[in-house]
Amino acid sequence: MAMATKLKIKKGDRVIVISGRDRGKTGEVLRVMPVESRVLVQGVNMIKRHTKQRPGETGGIVDKEAPIHVSNVAHVDPKDGKATRVGFKVLEGNRKVRFAKRSGEVIDR
């Protein structure tokens, strides 16, 4: 199995798709898969799943998100809503945070 790479994207981040058929769409990261270098983004890369009916669950064709490669998404700058790269800096009290390189705004809450 491949080594998990350290990703700068975390669950709950706002990202924008920068390439592929969903280019330009923004959404929240629902799940991060570091081993596969993929993320699951809300409302992006939608696929149709044909599901069988189960007790307590209706069958039919269900729309759901499929994972998208990390290289195809970028953080959304909190100031202007455009794609930005991410850097790290240490604040007072030795707290390491992520910041948007475009505006300098801190991403971590």
PDB file of N, CA and C in Angstrom:
ATOM      1  N   MET A   1       0.843  -1.195   0.000  1.00  0.00           N
ATOM      2  CA  MET A   1       0.000   0.000   0.000  1.00  0.00           C
ATOM      3  C   MET A   1       0.880   1.248   0.000  1.00  0.00           C
ATOM      4  N   ALA A   2       0.414   2.290  -0.665  1.00  0.00           N
ATOM      5  CA  ALA A   2       1.191   3.525  -0.799  1.00  0.00           C
ATOM      6  C   ALA A   2       1.228   4.301   0.511  1.00  0.00           C
ATOM      7  N   MET A   3       2.271   5.106   0.655  1.00  0.00           N
ATOM      8  CA  MET A   3       2.407   5.954   1.832  1.00  0.00           C
ATOM      9  C   MET A   3       1.399   7.104   1.761  1.00  0.00           C
ATOM     10  N   ALA A   4       0.867   7.468   2.904  1.00  0.00           N
ATOM     11  CA  ALA A   4      -0.057   8.601   2.960  1.00  0.00           C
ATOM     12  C   ALA A   4       0.743   9.901   2.907  1.00  0.00           C
ATOM     13  N   THR A   5       0.351  10.802   2.007  1.00  0.00           N
ATOM     14  CA  THR A   5       1.039  12.081   1.905  1.00  0.00           C
ATOM     15  C   THR A   5       0.388  13.097   2.834  1.00  0.00           C
ATOM     16  N   LYS A   6       1.167  14.049   3.311  1.00  0.00           N
ATOM     17  CA  LYS A   6       0.642  15.100   4.186  1.00  0.00           C
ATOM     18  C   LYS A   6      -0.095  16.108   3.325  1.00  0.00           C
ATOM     19  N   LEU A   7      -1.385  16.267   3.572  1.00  0.00           N
ATOM     20  CA  LEU A   7      -2.212  17.169   2.778  1.00  0.00           C
ATOM     21  C   LEU A   7      -2.454  18.471   3.515  1.00  0.00           C
ATOM     22  N   LYS A   8      -2.572  19.560   2.761  1.00  0.00           N
ATOM     23  CA  LYS A   8      -2.848  20.865   3.359  1.00  0.00           C
ATOM     24  C   LYS A   8      -4.346  21.121   3.435  1.00  0.00           C
ATOM     25  N   ILE A   9      -5.135  20.174   2.929  1.00  0.00           N
ATOM     26  CA  ILE A   9      -6.596  20.311   2.947  1.00  0.00           C
ATOM     27  C   ILE A   9      -7.145  19.410   4.043  1.00  0.00           C
ATOM     28  N   LYS A  10      -8.066  19.974   4.834  1.00  0.00           N
ATOM     29  CA  LYS A  10      -8.671  19.227   5.930  1.00  0.00           C
ATOM     30  C   LYS A  10     -10.184  19.183   5.761  1.00  0.00           C
ATOM     31  N   LYS A  11     -10.817  18.301   6.521  1.00  0.00           N
ATOM     32  CA  LYS A  11     -12.272  18.197   6.527  1.00  0.00           C
ATOM     33  C   LYS A  11     -12.868  19.525   6.990  1.00  0.00           C
ATOM     34  N   GLY A  12     -13.894  20.004   6.277  1.00  0.00           N
ATOM     35  CA  GLY A  12     -14.547  21.251   6.646  1.00  0.00           C
ATOM     36  C   GLY A  12     -14.023  22.468   5.904  1.00  0.00           C
ATOM     37  N   ASP A  13     -12.914  22.325   5.153  1.00  0.00           N
ATOM     38  CA  ASP A  13     -12.367  23.446   4.390  1.00  0.00           C
ATOM     39  C   ASP A  13     -13.236  23.771   3.185  1.00  0.00           C
ATOM     40  N   ARG A  14     -13.259  25.050   2.786  1.00  0.00           N
ATOM     41  CA  ARG A  14     -13.936  25.464   1.551  1.00  0.00           C
ATOM     42  C   ARG A  14     -12.916  25.384   0.434  1.00  0.00           C
ATOM     43  N   VAL A  15     -13.241  24.607  -0.615  1.00  0.00           N
ATOM     44  CA  VAL A  15     -12.317  24.457  -1.737  1.00  0.00           C
ATOM     45  C   VAL A  15     -13.023  24.763  -3.048  1.00  0.00           C
ATOM     46  N   ILE A  16     -12.221  25.069  -4.085  1.00  0.00           N
ATOM     47  CA  ILE A  16     -12.728  25.306  -5.428  1.00  0.00           C
ATOM     48  C   ILE A  16     -12.042  24.305  -6.353  1.00  0.00           C
ATOM     49  N   VAL A  17     -12.818  23.759  -7.308  1.00  0.00           N
ATOM     50  CA  VAL A  17     -12.263  22.805  -8.262  1.00  0.00           C
ATOM     51  C   VAL A  17     -11.561  23.599  -9.365  1.00  0.00           C
ATOM     52  N   ILE A  18     -10.282  23.280  -9.619  1.00  0.00           N
ATOM     53  CA  ILE A  18      -9.507  24.059 -10.583  1.00  0.00           C
ATOM     54  C   ILE A  18      -9.326  23.350 -11.920  1.00  0.00           C
ATOM     55  N   SER A  19      -9.706  22.069 -12.017  1.00  0.00           N
ATOM     56  CA  SER A  19      -9.649  21.394 -13.308  1.00  0.00           C
ATOM     57  C   SER A  19     -10.639  20.233 -13.334  1.00  0.00           C
ATOM     58  N   GLY A  20     -10.997  19.816 -14.543  1.00  0.00           N
ATOM     59  CA  GLY A  20     -11.954  18.726 -14.702  1.00  0.00           C
ATOM     60  C   GLY A  20     -13.320  19.252 -15.088  1.00  0.00           C
ATOM     61  N   ARG A  21     -14.283  18.350 -15.169  1.00  0.00           N
ATOM     62  CA  ARG A  21     -15.611  18.746 -15.661  1.00  0.00           C
ATOM     63  C   ARG A  21     -16.373  19.631 -14.676  1.00  0.00           C
ATOM     64  N   ASP A  22     -15.977  19.617 -13.405  1.00  0.00           N
ATOM     65  CA  ASP A  22     -16.638  20.443 -12.389  1.00  0.00           C
ATOM     66  C   ASP A  22     -15.859  21.714 -12.079  1.00  0.00           C
ATOM     67  N   ARG A  23     -14.973  22.119 -13.001  1.00  0.00           N
ATOM     68  CA  ARG A  23     -14.123  23.291 -12.795  1.00  0.00           C
ATOM     69  C   ARG A  23     -14.949  24.530 -12.436  1.00  0.00           C
ATOM     70  N   GLY A  24     -14.510  25.242 -11.389  1.00  0.00           N
ATOM     71  CA  GLY A  24     -15.205  26.454 -10.965  1.00  0.00           C
ATOM     72  C   GLY A  24     -16.174  26.240  -9.826  1.00  0.00           C
ATOM     73  N   LYS A  25     -16.568  24.995  -9.567  1.00  0.00           N
ATOM     74  CA  LYS A  25     -17.504  24.722  -8.477  1.00  0.00           C
ATOM     75  C   LYS A  25     -16.783  24.798  -7.142  1.00  0.00           C
ATOM     76  N   THR A  26     -17.488  25.284  -6.134  1.00  0.00           N
ATOM     77  CA  THR A  26     -16.930  25.322  -4.784  1.00  0.00           C
ATOM     78  C   THR A  26     -17.762  24.442  -3.867  1.00  0.00           C
ATOM     79  N   GLY A  27     -17.156  23.980  -2.799  1.00  0.00           N
ATOM     80  CA  GLY A  27     -17.873  23.150  -1.840  1.00  0.00           C
ATOM     81  C   GLY A  27     -17.028  22.905  -0.612  1.00  0.00           C
ATOM     82  N   GLU A  28     -17.648  22.255   0.356  1.00  0.00           N
ATOM     83  CA  GLU A  28     -16.977  21.943   1.604  1.00  0.00           C
ATOM     84  C   GLU A  28     -16.426  20.527   1.538  1.00  0.00           C
ATOM     85  N   VAL A  29     -15.233  20.328   2.080  1.00  0.00           N
ATOM     86  CA  VAL A  29     -14.621  18.999   2.096  1.00  0.00           C
ATOM     87  C   VAL A  29     -15.340  18.153   3.145  1.00  0.00           C
ATOM     88  N   LEU A  30     -15.907  17.011   2.706  1.00  0.00           N
ATOM     89  CA  LEU A  30     -16.635  16.121   3.598  1.00  0.00           C
ATOM     90  C   LEU A  30     -15.720  15.048   4.195  1.00  0.00           C
ATOM     91  N   ARG A  31     -14.725  14.639   3.391  1.00  0.00           N
ATOM     92  CA  ARG A  31     -13.843  13.553   3.823  1.00  0.00           C
ATOM     93  C   ARG A  31     -12.495  13.686   3.121  1.00  0.00           C
ATOM     94  N   VAL A  32     -11.418  13.349   3.815  1.00  0.00           N
ATOM     95  CA  VAL A  32     -10.077  13.387   3.240  1.00  0.00           C
ATOM     96  C   VAL A  32      -9.504  11.976   3.270  1.00  0.00           C
ATOM     97  N   MET A  33      -8.964  11.538   2.129  1.00  0.00           N
ATOM     98  CA  MET A  33      -8.353  10.210   2.023  1.00  0.00           C
ATOM     99  C   MET A  33      -6.874  10.379   1.670  1.00  0.00           C
ATOM    100  N   PRO A  34      -5.991  10.538   2.684  1.00  0.00           N
ATOM    101  CA  PRO A  34      -4.587  10.828   2.415  1.00  0.00           C
ATOM    102  C   PRO A  34      -3.837   9.703   1.699  1.00  0.00           C
ATOM    103  N   VAL A  35      -4.220   8.452   1.924  1.00  0.00           N
ATOM    104  CA  VAL A  35      -3.521   7.330   1.284  1.00  0.00           C
ATOM    105  C   VAL A  35      -3.716   7.359  -0.230  1.00  0.00           C
ATOM    106  N   GLU A  36      -4.942   7.702  -0.664  1.00  0.00           N
ATOM    107  CA  GLU A  36      -5.230   7.777  -2.102  1.00  0.00           C
ATOM    108  C   GLU A  36      -5.012   9.181  -2.664  1.00  0.00           C
ATOM    109  N   SER A  37      -4.670  10.159  -1.821  1.00  0.00           N
ATOM    110  CA  SER A  37      -4.530  11.575  -2.201  1.00  0.00           C
ATOM    111  C   SER A  37      -5.814  12.118  -2.819  1.00  0.00           C
ATOM    112  N   ARG A  38      -6.941  11.791  -2.214  1.00  0.00           N
ATOM    113  CA  ARG A  38      -8.237  12.224  -2.730  1.00  0.00           C
ATOM    114  C   ARG A  38      -9.075  12.883  -1.636  1.00  0.00           C
ATOM    115  N   VAL A  39     -10.019  13.722  -2.062  1.00  0.00           N
ATOM    116  CA  VAL A  39     -10.956  14.364  -1.141  1.00  0.00           C
ATOM    117  C   VAL A  39     -12.371  14.218  -1.674  1.00  0.00           C
ATOM    118  N   LEU A  40     -13.332  14.221  -0.759  1.00  0.00           N
ATOM    119  CA  LEU A  40     -14.742  14.164  -1.116  1.00  0.00           C
ATOM    120  C   LEU A  40     -15.302  15.561  -0.872  1.00  0.00           C
ATOM    121  N   VAL A  41     -15.778  16.219  -1.937  1.00  0.00           N
ATOM    122  CA  VAL A  41     -16.262  17.592  -1.840  1.00  0.00           C
ATOM    123  C   VAL A  41     -17.773  17.612  -2.080  1.00  0.00           C
ATOM    124  N   GLN A  42     -18.479  18.327  -1.221  1.00  0.00           N
ATOM    125  CA  GLN A  42     -19.937  18.400  -1.283  1.00  0.00           C
ATOM    126  C   GLN A  42     -20.406  18.995  -2.605  1.00  0.00           C
ATOM    127  N   GLY A  43     -21.247  18.242  -3.340  1.00  0.00           N
ATOM    128  CA  GLY A  43     -21.841  18.720  -4.585  1.00  0.00           C
ATOM    129  C   GLY A  43     -20.918  18.707  -5.790  1.00  0.00           C
ATOM    130  N   VAL A  44     -19.748  18.087  -5.669  1.00  0.00           N
ATOM    131  CA  VAL A  44     -18.770  18.057  -6.758  1.00  0.00           C
ATOM    132  C   VAL A  44     -18.508  16.616  -7.175  1.00  0.00           C
ATOM    133  N   ASN A  45     -18.312  16.382  -8.482  1.00  0.00           N
ATOM    134  CA  ASN A  45     -18.030  15.055  -9.041  1.00  0.00           C
ATOM    135  C   ASN A  45     -19.161  14.080  -8.707  1.00  0.00           C
ATOM    136  N   MET A  46     -20.390  14.501  -9.008  1.00  0.00           N
ATOM    137  CA  MET A  46     -21.569  13.691  -8.701  1.00  0.00           C
ATOM    138  C   MET A  46     -21.661  12.495  -9.652  1.00  0.00           C
ATOM    139  N   ILE A  47     -21.992  11.330  -9.074  1.00  0.00           N
ATOM    140  CA  ILE A  47     -22.188  10.121  -9.867  1.00  0.00           C
ATOM    141  C   ILE A  47     -23.545   9.534  -9.518  1.00  0.00           C
ATOM    142  N   LYS A  48     -24.059   8.655 -10.388  1.00  0.00           N
ATOM    143  CA  LYS A  48     -25.330   7.990 -10.123  1.00  0.00           C
ATOM    144  C   LYS A  48     -25.032   6.565  -9.666  1.00  0.00           C
ATOM    145  N   ARG A  49     -25.614   6.175  -8.550  1.00  0.00           N
ATOM    146  CA  ARG A  49     -25.448   4.842  -7.992  1.00  0.00           C
ATOM    147  C   ARG A  49     -26.790   4.124  -8.063  1.00  0.00           C
ATOM    148  N   HIS A  50     -26.830   2.945  -8.653  1.00  0.00           N
ATOM    149  CA  HIS A  50     -28.060   2.152  -8.678  1.00  0.00           C
ATOM    150  C   HIS A  50     -28.060   1.282  -7.439  1.00  0.00           C
ATOM    151  N   THR A  51     -28.961   1.590  -6.495  1.00  0.00           N
ATOM    152  CA  THR A  51     -28.972   0.867  -5.220  1.00  0.00           C
ATOM    153  C   THR A  51     -30.184  -0.046  -5.122  1.00  0.00           C
ATOM    154  N   LYS A  52     -29.945  -1.182  -4.500  1.00  0.00           N
ATOM    155  CA  LYS A  52     -30.994  -2.164  -4.278  1.00  0.00           C
ATOM    156  C   LYS A  52     -31.801  -1.757  -3.049  1.00  0.00           C
ATOM    157  N   GLN A  53     -33.069  -2.093  -3.037  1.00  0.00           N
ATOM    158  CA  GLN A  53     -33.902  -1.757  -1.888  1.00  0.00           C
ATOM    159  C   GLN A  53     -33.539  -2.637  -0.701  1.00  0.00           C
ATOM    160  N   ARG A  54     -33.412  -2.005   0.459  1.00  0.00           N
ATOM    161  CA  ARG A  54     -33.112  -2.725   1.703  1.00  0.00           C
ATOM    162  C   ARG A  54     -34.177  -2.360   2.728  1.00  0.00           C
ATOM    163  N   PRO A  55     -34.294  -3.158   3.779  1.00  0.00           N
ATOM    164  CA  PRO A  55     -35.268  -2.795   4.824  1.00  0.00           C
ATOM    165  C   PRO A  55     -34.971  -1.410   5.395  1.00  0.00           C
ATOM    166  N   GLY A  56     -35.959  -0.537   5.381  1.00  0.00           N
ATOM    167  CA  GLY A  56     -35.803   0.817   5.912  1.00  0.00           C
ATOM    168  C   GLY A  56     -35.115   1.765   4.948  1.00  0.00           C
ATOM    169  N   GLU A  57     -34.880   1.345   3.726  1.00  0.00           N
ATOM    170  CA  GLU A  57     -34.164   2.157   2.758  1.00  0.00           C
ATOM    171  C   GLU A  57     -34.753   1.914   1.366  1.00  0.00           C
ATOM    172  N   THR A  58     -35.105   2.984   0.661  1.00  0.00           N
ATOM    173  CA  THR A  58     -35.678   2.801  -0.674  1.00  0.00           C
ATOM    174  C   THR A  58     -34.573   2.624  -1.703  1.00  0.00           C
ATOM    175  N   GLY A  59     -34.871   1.845  -2.731  1.00  0.00           N
ATOM    176  CA  GLY A  59     -33.905   1.604  -3.800  1.00  0.00           C
ATOM    177  C   GLY A  59     -34.061   2.648  -4.892  1.00  0.00           C
ATOM    178  N   GLY A  60     -33.324   2.477  -5.971  1.00  0.00           N
ATOM    179  CA  GLY A  60     -33.426   3.394  -7.102  1.00  0.00           C
ATOM    180  C   GLY A  60     -32.082   3.994  -7.449  1.00  0.00           C
ATOM    181  N   ILE A  61     -32.112   5.068  -8.218  1.00  0.00           N
ATOM    182  CA  ILE A  61     -30.891   5.723  -8.653  1.00  0.00           C
ATOM    183  C   ILE A  61     -30.590   6.879  -7.705  1.00  0.00           C
ATOM    184  N   VAL A  62     -29.456   6.810  -7.048  1.00  0.00           N
ATOM    185  CA  VAL A  62     -29.070   7.798  -6.041  1.00  0.00           C
ATOM    186  C   VAL A  62     -27.884   8.619  -6.543  1.00  0.00           C
ATOM    187  N   ASP A  63     -27.982   9.950  -6.400  1.00  0.00           N
ATOM    188  CA  ASP A  63     -26.853  10.824  -6.727  1.00  0.00           C
ATOM    189  C   ASP A  63     -25.959  10.934  -5.506  1.00  0.00           C
ATOM    190  N   LYS A  64     -24.648  10.723  -5.708  1.00  0.00           N
ATOM    191  CA  LYS A  64     -23.720  10.881  -4.596  1.00  0.00           C
ATOM    192  C   LYS A  64     -22.387  11.400  -5.115  1.00  0.00           C
ATOM    193  N   GLU A  65     -21.582  11.931  -4.181  1.00  0.00           N
ATOM    194  CA  GLU A  65     -20.283  12.481  -4.549  1.00  0.00           C
ATOM    195  C   GLU A  65     -19.255  11.363  -4.682  1.00  0.00           C
ATOM    196  N   ALA A  66     -18.362  11.517  -5.666  1.00  0.00           N
ATOM    197  CA  ALA A  66     -17.232  10.608  -5.806  1.00  0.00           C
ATOM    198  C   ALA A  66     -15.972  11.386  -5.427  1.00  0.00           C
ATOM    199  N   PRO A  67     -14.944  10.678  -4.937  1.00  0.00           N
ATOM    200  CA  PRO A  67     -13.709  11.371  -4.553  1.00  0.00           C
ATOM    201  C   PRO A  67     -13.034  12.035  -5.758  1.00  0.00           C
ATOM    202  N   ILE A  68     -12.363  13.146  -5.511  1.00  0.00           N
ATOM    203  CA  ILE A  68     -11.645  13.893  -6.544  1.00  0.00           C
ATOM    204  C   ILE A  68     -10.199  14.047  -6.070  1.00  0.00           C
ATOM    205  N   HIS A  69      -9.258  14.036  -7.011  1.00  0.00           N
ATOM    206  CA  HIS A  69      -7.847  14.105  -6.633  1.00  0.00           C
ATOM    207  C   HIS A  69      -7.519  15.472  -6.027  1.00  0.00           C
ATOM    208  N   VAL A  70      -6.647  15.461  -5.017  1.00  0.00           N
ATOM    209  CA  VAL A  70      -6.273  16.672  -4.282  1.00  0.00           C
ATOM    210  C   VAL A  70      -5.677  17.733  -5.209  1.00  0.00           C
ATOM    211  N   SER A  71      -4.961  17.297  -6.250  1.00  0.00           N
ATOM    212  CA  SER A  71      -4.325  18.253  -7.159  1.00  0.00           C
ATOM    213  C   SER A  71      -5.341  19.042  -7.975  1.00  0.00           C
ATOM    214  N   ASN A  72      -6.585  18.594  -8.012  1.00  0.00           N
ATOM    215  CA  ASN A  72      -7.627  19.275  -8.789  1.00  0.00           C
ATOM    216  C   ASN A  72      -8.453  20.255  -7.969  1.00  0.00           C
ATOM    217  N   VAL A  73      -8.109  20.432  -6.689  1.00  0.00           N
ATOM    218  CA  VAL A  73      -8.816  21.396  -5.846  1.00  0.00           C
ATOM    219  C   VAL A  73      -7.828  22.368  -5.209  1.00  0.00           C
ATOM    220  N   ALA A  74      -8.324  23.565  -4.894  1.00  0.00           N
ATOM    221  CA  ALA A  74      -7.507  24.573  -4.215  1.00  0.00           C
ATOM    222  C   ALA A  74      -8.360  25.231  -3.141  1.00  0.00           C
ATOM    223  N   HIS A  75      -7.708  25.730  -2.101  1.00  0.00           N
ATOM    224  CA  HIS A  75      -8.417  26.449  -1.047  1.00  0.00           C
ATOM    225  C   HIS A  75      -9.082  27.702  -1.609  1.00  0.00           C
ATOM    226  N   VAL A  76     -10.199  28.093  -1.007  1.00  0.00           N
ATOM    227  CA  VAL A  76     -10.861  29.346  -1.360  1.00  0.00           C
ATOM    228  C   VAL A  76     -10.370  30.411  -0.391  1.00  0.00           C
ATOM    229  N   ASP A  77      -9.908  31.542  -0.959  1.00  0.00           N
ATOM    230  CA  ASP A  77      -9.434  32.646  -0.127  1.00  0.00           C
ATOM    231  C   ASP A  77     -10.613  33.231   0.651  1.00  0.00           C
ATOM    232  N   PRO A  78     -10.510  33.363   1.985  1.00  0.00           N
ATOM    233  CA  PRO A  78     -11.623  33.897   2.778  1.00  0.00           C
ATOM    234  C   PRO A  78     -12.001  35.327   2.396  1.00  0.00           C
ATOM    235  N   LYS A  79     -11.055  36.115   1.841  1.00  0.00           N
ATOM    236  CA  LYS A  79     -11.338  37.516   1.500  1.00  0.00           C
ATOM    237  C   LYS A  79     -12.098  37.673   0.189  1.00  0.00           C
ATOM    238  N   ASP A  80     -11.568  37.092  -0.913  1.00  0.00           N
ATOM    239  CA  ASP A  80     -12.198  37.344  -2.215  1.00  0.00           C
ATOM    240  C   ASP A  80     -12.811  36.125  -2.892  1.00  0.00           C
ATOM    241  N   GLY A  81     -12.738  34.955  -2.275  1.00  0.00           N
ATOM    242  CA  GLY A  81     -13.406  33.775  -2.826  1.00  0.00           C
ATOM    243  C   GLY A  81     -12.712  33.142  -4.021  1.00  0.00           C
ATOM    244  N   LYS A  82     -11.460  33.517  -4.280  1.00  0.00           N
ATOM    245  CA  LYS A  82     -10.712  32.939  -5.399  1.00  0.00           C
ATOM    246  C   LYS A  82      -9.739  31.874  -4.878  1.00  0.00           C
ATOM    247  N   ALA A  83      -9.220  31.066  -5.801  1.00  0.00           N
ATOM    248  CA  ALA A  83      -8.295  29.995  -5.426  1.00  0.00           C
ATOM    249  C   ALA A  83      -6.994  30.574  -4.869  1.00  0.00           C
ATOM    250  N   THR A  84      -6.463  29.916  -3.851  1.00  0.00           N
ATOM    251  CA  THR A  84      -5.217  30.365  -3.238  1.00  0.00           C
ATOM    252  C   THR A  84      -4.390  29.171  -2.806  1.00  0.00           C
ATOM    253  N   ARG A  85      -3.076  29.391  -2.690  1.00  0.00           N
ATOM    254  CA  ARG A  85      -2.206  28.376  -2.125  1.00  0.00           C
ATOM    255  C   ARG A  85      -2.180  28.578  -0.620  1.00  0.00           C
ATOM    256  N   VAL A  86      -1.659  27.576   0.080  1.00  0.00           N
ATOM    257  CA  VAL A  86      -1.676  27.601   1.537  1.00  0.00           C
ATOM    258  C   VAL A  86      -0.262  27.549   2.081  1.00  0.00           C
ATOM    259  N   GLY A  87       0.001  28.368   3.089  1.00  0.00           N
ATOM    260  CA  GLY A  87       1.284  28.346   3.773  1.00  0.00           C
ATOM    261  C   GLY A  87       1.060  28.134   5.257  1.00  0.00           C
ATOM    262  N   PHE A  88       2.143  27.936   5.971  1.00  0.00           N
ATOM    263  CA  PHE A  88       2.063  27.769   7.420  1.00  0.00           C
ATOM    264  C   PHE A  88       2.858  28.867   8.091  1.00  0.00           C
ATOM    265  N   LYS A  89       2.356  29.347   9.235  1.00  0.00           N
ATOM    266  CA  LYS A  89       3.130  30.275  10.048  1.00  0.00           C
ATOM    267  C   LYS A  89       2.819  30.021  11.516  1.00  0.00           C
ATOM    268  N   VAL A  90       3.742  30.419  12.364  1.00  0.00           N
ATOM    269  CA  VAL A  90       3.594  30.201  13.804  1.00  0.00           C
ATOM    270  C   VAL A  90       3.189  31.520  14.453  1.00  0.00           C
ATOM    271  N   LEU A  91       2.060  31.518  15.137  1.00  0.00           N
ATOM    272  CA  LEU A  91       1.573  32.704  15.840  1.00  0.00           C
ATOM    273  C   LEU A  91       2.139  32.730  17.253  1.00  0.00           C
ATOM    274  N   GLU A  92       1.782  33.772  18.011  1.00  0.00           N
ATOM    275  CA  GLU A  92       2.240  33.867  19.401  1.00  0.00           C
ATOM    276  C   GLU A  92       1.704  32.672  20.186  1.00  0.00           C
ATOM    277  N   GLY A  93       2.492  32.208  21.118  1.00  0.00           N
ATOM    278  CA  GLY A  93       2.088  31.032  21.891  1.00  0.00           C
ATOM    279  C   GLY A  93       2.397  29.737  21.159  1.00  0.00           C
ATOM    280  N   ASN A  94       3.299  29.797  20.168  1.00  0.00           N
ATOM    281  CA  ASN A  94       3.722  28.620  19.397  1.00  0.00           C
ATOM    282  C   ASN A  94       2.565  27.867  18.748  1.00  0.00           C
ATOM    283  N   ARG A  95       1.555  28.605  18.241  1.00  0.00           N
ATOM    284  CA  ARG A  95       0.420  27.974  17.559  1.00  0.00           C
ATOM    285  C   ARG A  95       0.680  28.021  16.058  1.00  0.00           C
ATOM    286  N   LYS A  96       0.752  26.839  15.434  1.00  0.00           N
ATOM    287  CA  LYS A  96       1.008  26.747  13.988  1.00  0.00           C
ATOM    288  C   LYS A  96      -0.337  26.775  13.259  1.00  0.00           C
ATOM    289  N   VAL A  97      -0.490  27.714  12.336  1.00  0.00           N
ATOM    290  CA  VAL A  97      -1.748  27.852  11.601  1.00  0.00           C
ATOM    291  C   VAL A  97      -1.494  27.888  10.100  1.00  0.00           C
ATOM    292  N   ARG A  98      -2.549  27.580   9.337  1.00  0.00           N
ATOM    293  CA  ARG A  98      -2.485  27.692   7.879  1.00  0.00           C
ATOM    294  C   ARG A  98      -2.996  29.072   7.491  1.00  0.00           C
ATOM    295  N   PHE A  99      -2.392  29.654   6.442  1.00  0.00           N
ATOM    296  CA  PHE A  99      -2.878  30.951   5.974  1.00  0.00           C
ATOM    297  C   PHE A  99      -2.927  30.969   4.452  1.00  0.00           C
ATOM    298  N   ALA A 100      -3.815  31.819   3.918  1.00  0.00           N
ATOM    299  CA  ALA A 100      -3.959  31.968   2.471  1.00  0.00           C
ATOM    300  C   ALA A 100      -2.816  32.841   1.967  1.00  0.00           C
ATOM    301  N   LYS A 101      -2.033  32.339   1.015  1.00  0.00           N
ATOM    302  CA  LYS A 101      -0.909  33.096   0.508  1.00  0.00           C
ATOM    303  C   LYS A 101      -1.364  34.294  -0.327  1.00  0.00           C
ATOM    304  N   ARG A 102      -2.580  34.234  -0.871  1.00  0.00           N
ATOM    305  CA  ARG A 102      -3.109  35.313  -1.698  1.00  0.00           C
ATOM    306  C   ARG A 102      -3.363  36.586  -0.887  1.00  0.00           C
ATOM    307  N   SER A 103      -4.010  36.436   0.289  1.00  0.00           N
ATOM    308  CA  SER A 103      -4.377  37.606   1.088  1.00  0.00           C
ATOM    309  C   SER A 103      -3.666  37.681   2.437  1.00  0.00           C
ATOM    310  N   GLY A 104      -3.048  36.580   2.860  1.00  0.00           N
ATOM    311  CA  GLY A 104      -2.403  36.552   4.166  1.00  0.00           C
ATOM    312  C   GLY A 104      -3.360  36.242   5.300  1.00  0.00           C
ATOM    313  N   GLU A 105      -4.621  36.008   4.965  1.00  0.00           N
ATOM    314  CA  GLU A 105      -5.649  35.710   5.967  1.00  0.00           C
ATOM    315  C   GLU A 105      -5.460  34.296   6.552  1.00  0.00           C
ATOM    316  N   VAL A 106      -5.671  34.157   7.864  1.00  0.00           N
ATOM    317  CA  VAL A 106      -5.531  32.853   8.515  1.00  0.00           C
ATOM    318  C   VAL A 106      -6.747  31.987   8.196  1.00  0.00           C
ATOM    319  N   ILE A 107      -6.493  30.725   7.797  1.00  0.00           N
ATOM    320  CA  ILE A 107      -7.574  29.800   7.429  1.00  0.00           C
ATOM    321  C   ILE A 107      -8.079  29.048   8.651  1.00  0.00           C
ATOM    322  N   ASP A 108      -7.142  28.599   9.524  1.00  0.00           N
ATOM    323  CA  ASP A 108      -7.552  27.845  10.728  1.00  0.00           C
ATOM    324  C   ASP A 108      -8.267  28.766  11.706  1.00  0.00           C
ATOM    325  N   ARG A 109      -9.326  28.202  12.347  1.00  0.00           N
ATOM    326  CA  ARG A 109     -10.064  28.968  13.318  1.00  0.00           C
ATOM    327  C   ARG A 109      -9.473  28.821  14.695  1.00  0.00           C
TER     328      ARG A 109
END
